[in-house]
Structures are given as structure tokens and as C-alpha cells.
Amino acid sequence: MSAIRRDPDTFDDVLLLVAPDDAHRRVLRERLAQVLGRERPGEPGTHRRFRMLTASSGPESLRRASGATIAMVNLELPRGPGLETIREMREAHERLAILAYATAAGASDAMAAVMAGADFFFDCHDESSAALAHAVDLAVERRRLTHTIEKNEADVEEARGRLAQLAGELVGTMPGLWPLRSREDVLPFREAARRYLLAATRFFDRDPRGLAKALDISYFSLRRLLARYDVPFPAARSRK
């Protein structure tokens, strides 16, 4: 295996290690210092995965969190419980990956940590470099996915609100069009079309030809249209 490059400016992530005990913090830091960075095409040798920052208390960690991409937080912190520290970190840094850990913890501790805002929980009975790196990677990946979903949801809500405003303008130009009552009434086009066609088929129950005429399309085009939007084709009246 190639030796780890000693260049302090070469790293993948800045990891903030938050632990109250100096000896324990030193052990974890040494283990994490052994983790190799991700492969980089065209770069000789290897480099460290993490540039390390440390903090021994909740208030100190909150001051240093802005310079980190990952925080590894011990739940047993003095002058500020670990859960409260995690909660404040999450509120202040939405993209920060947070790994909560404890030396001996149960399922309730893990659940509480995740509910407070941690991305993953690690029971630190195994302090090997591989175990620590794997736990950090899981926290990073979960934060990435969670942030992507939250960002998309925020974009969708903004779009729904704007569409609701534009719909109000549209109502003024189209007599008979019902105004939207809230942004929840804004639907994706496919869903809006499907609901419209469902209502139309109920109105023209057992009269598909009448529905086709009302929509100004052929009988066979109606079949294709309803199939495209997963709307059941209305049964025709039986001929006696």
C-alpha cells in the first residue's frame, strides 16, 4: 500500500470531531487519520480522507461547525447535551453531515439522535479505521440524499405557490374558471388531466361517444387518450 501523502492541503472532507475526553478524542483522531482519501485520476500516491478539527464541548463545536463538512458528535458532552448540540448544528447547517456516536448506547439513543438531526448513529464499540470510515460514509450519503429531497420539495412548494398566483391572473381572463383556494390545489399537469378525464367519464357515464363528441375527438382517439392517463373507458349503453 502506498504511504499516505503528508500534504496537509490535500483532503476530501473537513471532519469536526466532538468528544469530551482528551484520550478518547486522541484515539479516534488517530484512527480517522489512517483513512485514505478517494481516488483522484492523474494524482500520484494517496492522501488523507479528512482534515481534522476537534472540539470538547457543545458550544465550542457550534463555533467550529461552519468550517466542517462532517461532524462526529459524542452524545455525552459537558456544558450542552449531545442531542441539543446536534439539533442546533442541524438548524444552522443544513448540508453538514452529522454522525452521532456513543461508546455504549441502545436503540433509544440512536432514535433520539436521528430525530434531533443526525444522519447516522454509530455505536463506538468498534473503533477500527474501517468501521469509523464506513459510518462516516453512511452519514455523508444520507445527508446528500436528504438534502436533495428537501431542496426539491422546497422548489416544488415555491413553484406551486407561484402557479397559484398565476392561476388567479388566469381566472380574470377566462370567465367560468374556478379560482384556486390554496397552493395545494396546484397539481402536476398529468394528475390534473387525469382528474379532469375521470370527472368527464362520470358525467358521460355509459356514453363514450357523447364524451368523444364533447371533447371534439374521435371515438378511437378517446380510447387512446383515456388509456394514456390510466382512466377506465366508460362502458357503452347496451343496444336492445
Protein backbone atom coordinates (compact mmCIF):
# COMPACT_ATOMS: atom_id res chain seq x y z
CA MET A 1 0.00 0.00 0.00
CA SER A 2 1.27 3.48 -0.86
CA ALA A 3 2.19 5.75 2.01
CA ILE A 4 -0.25 8.47 2.92
CA ARG A 5 0.77 11.77 1.44
CA ARG A 6 1.78 14.23 4.15
CA ASP A 7 0.49 17.27 2.30
CA PRO A 8 -1.92 18.92 4.79
CA ASP A 9 -3.67 20.77 1.98
CA THR A 10 -4.83 17.56 0.28
CA PHE A 11 -8.00 16.08 1.74
CA ASP A 12 -11.59 15.23 0.78
CA ASP A 13 -13.58 16.45 3.78
CA VAL A 14 -13.16 18.54 6.90
CA LEU A 15 -14.30 16.43 9.85
CA LEU A 16 -15.14 18.05 13.18
CA LEU A 17 -14.64 15.52 15.99
CA VAL A 18 -16.64 16.49 19.07
CA ALA A 19 -15.69 14.46 22.16
CA PRO A 20 -15.24 15.50 25.81
CA ASP A 21 -12.43 13.12 26.76
CA ASP A 22 -8.92 14.02 25.56
CA ALA A 23 -7.63 10.44 25.46
CA HIS A 24 -10.70 9.14 23.66
CA ARG A 25 -10.60 12.02 21.19
CA ARG A 26 -6.94 11.31 20.50
CA VAL A 27 -7.64 7.62 19.77
CA LEU A 28 -10.45 8.46 17.34
CA ARG A 29 -8.37 11.12 15.65
CA GLU A 30 -5.51 8.67 15.11
CA ARG A 31 -7.90 6.09 13.65
CA LEU A 32 -9.51 8.60 11.31
CA ALA A 33 -6.09 9.90 10.22
CA GLN A 34 -5.40 6.44 8.76
CA VAL A 35 -8.36 6.58 6.39
CA LEU A 36 -7.25 7.06 2.79
CA GLY A 37 -8.89 9.65 0.59
CA ARG A 38 -10.92 8.93 -2.51
CA GLU A 39 -9.04 8.08 -5.67
CA ARG A 40 -8.24 11.06 -7.87
CA PRO A 41 -7.37 10.45 -11.54
CA GLY A 42 -3.93 11.67 -12.51
CA GLU A 43 -2.75 12.18 -8.93
CA PRO A 44 0.24 10.12 -7.77
CA GLY A 45 0.23 8.47 -4.37
CA THR A 46 -2.56 8.81 -1.85
CA HIS A 47 -3.83 11.41 0.57
CA ARG A 48 -5.77 11.60 3.80
CA ARG A 49 -9.54 11.47 3.66
CA PHE A 50 -10.07 14.02 6.43
CA ARG A 51 -8.66 17.29 7.59
CA MET A 52 -9.41 17.14 11.31
CA LEU A 53 -10.93 19.75 13.61
CA THR A 54 -11.72 19.00 17.25
CA ALA A 55 -13.98 20.35 19.97
CA SER A 56 -14.53 19.23 23.54
CA SER A 57 -17.93 20.79 24.23
CA GLY A 58 -21.20 21.70 22.59
CA PRO A 59 -20.61 25.48 22.47
CA GLU A 60 -17.12 25.03 21.04
CA SER A 61 -18.36 22.61 18.38
CA LEU A 62 -21.09 25.02 17.29
CA ARG A 63 -18.47 27.73 16.80
CA ARG A 64 -16.30 25.45 14.67
CA ALA A 65 -19.03 23.68 12.67
CA SER A 66 -19.08 26.30 9.91
CA GLY A 67 -15.63 25.16 8.80
CA ALA A 68 -16.58 21.47 8.54
CA THR A 69 -18.38 19.26 6.03
CA ILE A 70 -18.84 16.41 8.55
CA ALA A 71 -19.38 16.45 12.31
CA MET A 72 -18.88 13.39 14.51
CA VAL A 73 -20.60 14.15 17.83
CA ASN A 74 -20.35 12.22 21.07
CA LEU A 75 -23.71 12.20 22.87
CA GLU A 76 -22.02 12.59 26.27
CA LEU A 77 -20.95 16.21 26.14
CA PRO A 78 -20.44 18.58 29.08
CA ARG A 79 -21.90 22.11 29.08
CA GLY A 80 -24.54 21.21 26.50
CA PRO A 81 -26.03 17.75 25.89
CA GLY A 82 -25.07 15.98 22.70
CA LEU A 83 -28.65 15.87 21.43
CA GLU A 84 -29.08 19.60 21.85
CA THR A 85 -25.76 20.21 20.10
CA ILE A 86 -26.88 18.06 17.16
CA ARG A 87 -30.21 19.87 17.00
CA GLU A 88 -28.52 23.28 16.90
CA MET A 89 -25.98 22.10 14.33
CA ARG A 90 -28.72 20.83 12.06
CA GLU A 91 -30.70 24.07 12.28
CA ALA A 92 -27.61 26.13 11.46
CA HIS A 93 -26.02 23.90 8.78
CA GLU A 94 -28.46 22.05 6.54
CA ARG A 95 -25.74 20.46 4.39
CA LEU A 96 -23.49 19.33 7.26
CA ALA A 97 -23.33 15.53 7.58
CA ILE A 98 -23.72 14.62 11.25
CA LEU A 99 -22.65 11.30 12.72
CA ALA A 100 -23.76 10.80 16.33
CA TYR A 101 -21.93 8.22 18.40
CA ALA A 102 -21.60 6.80 21.90
CA THR A 103 -19.41 4.15 23.49
CA ALA A 104 -22.39 2.21 24.81
CA ALA A 105 -25.87 3.04 23.59
CA GLY A 106 -29.18 1.43 22.86
CA ALA A 107 -31.80 1.75 20.17
CA SER A 108 -33.49 4.64 22.00
CA ASP A 109 -30.26 6.68 21.89
CA ALA A 110 -29.89 6.06 18.16
CA MET A 111 -33.51 7.05 17.51
CA ALA A 112 -33.19 10.20 19.64
CA ALA A 113 -30.02 11.22 17.81
CA VAL A 114 -31.58 10.80 14.36
CA MET A 115 -34.71 12.67 15.45
CA ALA A 116 -32.50 15.51 16.71
CA GLY A 117 -30.97 15.83 13.24
CA ALA A 118 -28.13 13.29 13.00
CA ASP A 119 -27.80 11.50 9.68
CA PHE A 120 -26.47 8.27 11.18
CA PHE A 121 -25.66 6.74 14.55
CA PHE A 122 -22.56 4.74 15.41
CA ASP A 123 -22.16 2.56 18.48
CA CYS A 124 -18.46 3.11 19.05
CA HIS A 125 -17.63 -0.35 20.38
CA ASP A 126 -15.55 -0.87 17.23
CA GLU A 127 -13.09 1.99 16.79
CA SER A 128 -11.21 0.50 13.85
CA SER A 129 -10.43 2.80 10.95
CA ALA A 130 -12.64 0.78 8.59
CA ALA A 131 -15.66 0.86 10.91
CA LEU A 132 -15.33 4.59 11.54
CA ALA A 133 -14.89 5.38 7.84
CA HIS A 134 -17.92 3.26 6.92
CA ALA A 135 -20.11 5.03 9.48
CA VAL A 136 -18.95 8.43 8.23
CA ASP A 137 -19.66 7.44 4.62
CA LEU A 138 -23.20 6.38 5.54
CA ALA A 139 -23.83 9.71 7.28
CA VAL A 140 -22.47 11.64 4.28
CA GLU A 141 -24.60 9.70 1.79
CA ARG A 142 -27.76 10.03 3.85
CA ARG A 143 -27.21 13.79 4.22
CA ARG A 144 -26.66 14.14 0.48
CA LEU A 145 -29.87 12.29 -0.35
CA THR A 146 -31.89 14.03 2.36
CA HIS A 147 -30.70 17.47 1.29
CA THR A 148 -31.55 16.69 -2.35
CA ILE A 149 -35.09 15.70 -1.41
CA GLU A 150 -35.58 18.70 0.89
CA LYS A 151 -34.27 21.07 -1.77
CA ASN A 152 -36.56 19.61 -4.42
CA GLU A 153 -39.54 19.81 -2.05
CA ALA A 154 -38.75 23.47 -1.41
CA ASP A 155 -38.55 24.11 -5.16
CA VAL A 156 -41.87 22.34 -5.69
CA GLU A 157 -43.56 24.38 -2.96
CA GLU A 158 -42.23 27.61 -4.46
CA ALA A 159 -43.49 26.57 -7.89
CA ARG A 160 -46.90 25.62 -6.50
CA GLY A 161 -47.22 28.99 -4.80
CA ARG A 162 -46.26 30.85 -7.97
CA LEU A 163 -48.65 28.77 -10.09
CA ALA A 164 -51.43 29.53 -7.64
CA GLN A 165 -50.73 33.25 -8.13
CA LEU A 166 -50.67 32.88 -11.91
CA ALA A 167 -53.90 30.91 -11.80
CA GLY A 168 -55.53 33.89 -10.11
CA GLU A 169 -54.48 36.05 -13.05
CA LEU A 170 -55.82 33.43 -15.47
CA VAL A 171 -59.22 33.38 -13.79
CA GLY A 172 -59.69 37.04 -14.66
CA THR A 173 -59.26 36.32 -18.38
CA MET A 174 -61.40 33.16 -18.54
CA PRO A 175 -64.98 33.55 -17.27
CA GLY A 176 -66.26 30.40 -15.62
CA LEU A 177 -62.84 29.18 -14.46
CA TRP A 178 -62.85 28.47 -10.74
CA PRO A 179 -60.09 30.21 -8.75
CA LEU A 180 -57.65 28.13 -6.71
CA ARG A 181 -58.25 28.24 -2.98
CA SER A 182 -54.73 27.27 -1.91
CA ARG A 183 -51.36 26.15 -3.28
CA GLU A 184 -52.38 22.55 -2.57
CA ASP A 185 -54.83 22.89 -5.46
CA VAL A 186 -51.91 23.24 -7.87
CA LEU A 187 -51.33 19.82 -9.42
CA PRO A 188 -48.85 18.39 -11.92
CA PHE A 189 -50.35 18.51 -15.42
CA ARG A 190 -50.72 14.74 -15.74
CA GLU A 191 -52.61 14.45 -12.46
CA ALA A 192 -54.82 17.44 -13.28
CA ALA A 193 -55.62 15.95 -16.70
CA ARG A 194 -56.37 12.56 -15.18
CA ARG A 195 -58.78 14.05 -12.66
CA TYR A 196 -60.49 16.06 -15.39
CA LEU A 197 -60.96 12.96 -17.55
CA LEU A 198 -62.24 10.93 -14.58
CA ALA A 199 -64.87 13.60 -13.90
CA ALA A 200 -65.77 13.72 -17.60
CA THR A 201 -66.26 9.95 -17.81
CA ARG A 202 -68.54 10.07 -14.77
CA PHE A 203 -70.56 12.87 -16.38
CA PHE A 204 -70.86 10.86 -19.63
CA ASP A 205 -71.40 7.54 -17.85
CA ARG A 206 -72.16 4.79 -20.38
CA ASP A 207 -71.95 7.31 -23.22
CA PRO A 208 -68.39 7.23 -24.61
CA ARG A 209 -69.45 8.60 -27.98
CA GLY A 210 -71.07 11.57 -26.30
CA LEU A 211 -67.84 12.15 -24.36
CA ALA A 212 -65.77 11.96 -27.56
CA LYS A 213 -68.08 14.49 -29.20
CA ALA A 214 -67.86 16.83 -26.20
CA LEU A 215 -64.06 16.66 -26.30
CA ASP A 216 -64.10 17.14 -30.09
CA ILE A 217 -62.09 13.98 -30.75
CA SER A 218 -62.84 10.70 -32.46
CA TYR A 219 -64.12 7.64 -30.62
CA PHE A 220 -60.80 5.84 -31.17
CA SER A 221 -58.79 8.89 -30.08
CA LEU A 222 -60.82 8.89 -26.87
CA ARG A 223 -59.73 5.32 -26.19
CA ARG A 224 -56.08 6.24 -26.62
CA LEU A 225 -56.46 9.40 -24.52
CA LEU A 226 -58.08 7.63 -21.58
CA ALA A 227 -55.51 4.80 -21.74
CA ARG A 228 -52.66 7.34 -21.68
CA TYR A 229 -53.94 8.79 -18.39
CA ASP A 230 -55.00 5.45 -16.84
CA VAL A 231 -58.70 6.36 -16.89
CA PRO A 232 -61.18 3.46 -17.32
CA PHE A 233 -63.09 3.61 -20.58
CA PRO A 234 -66.80 4.16 -19.92
CA ALA A 235 -68.98 1.24 -20.91
CA ALA A 236 -71.42 1.95 -23.73
CA ARG A 237 -75.14 1.55 -23.28
CA SER A 238 -76.35 -1.85 -24.38
CA ARG A 239 -78.44 -1.90 -27.51
CA LYS A 240 -81.74 -3.76 -27.30
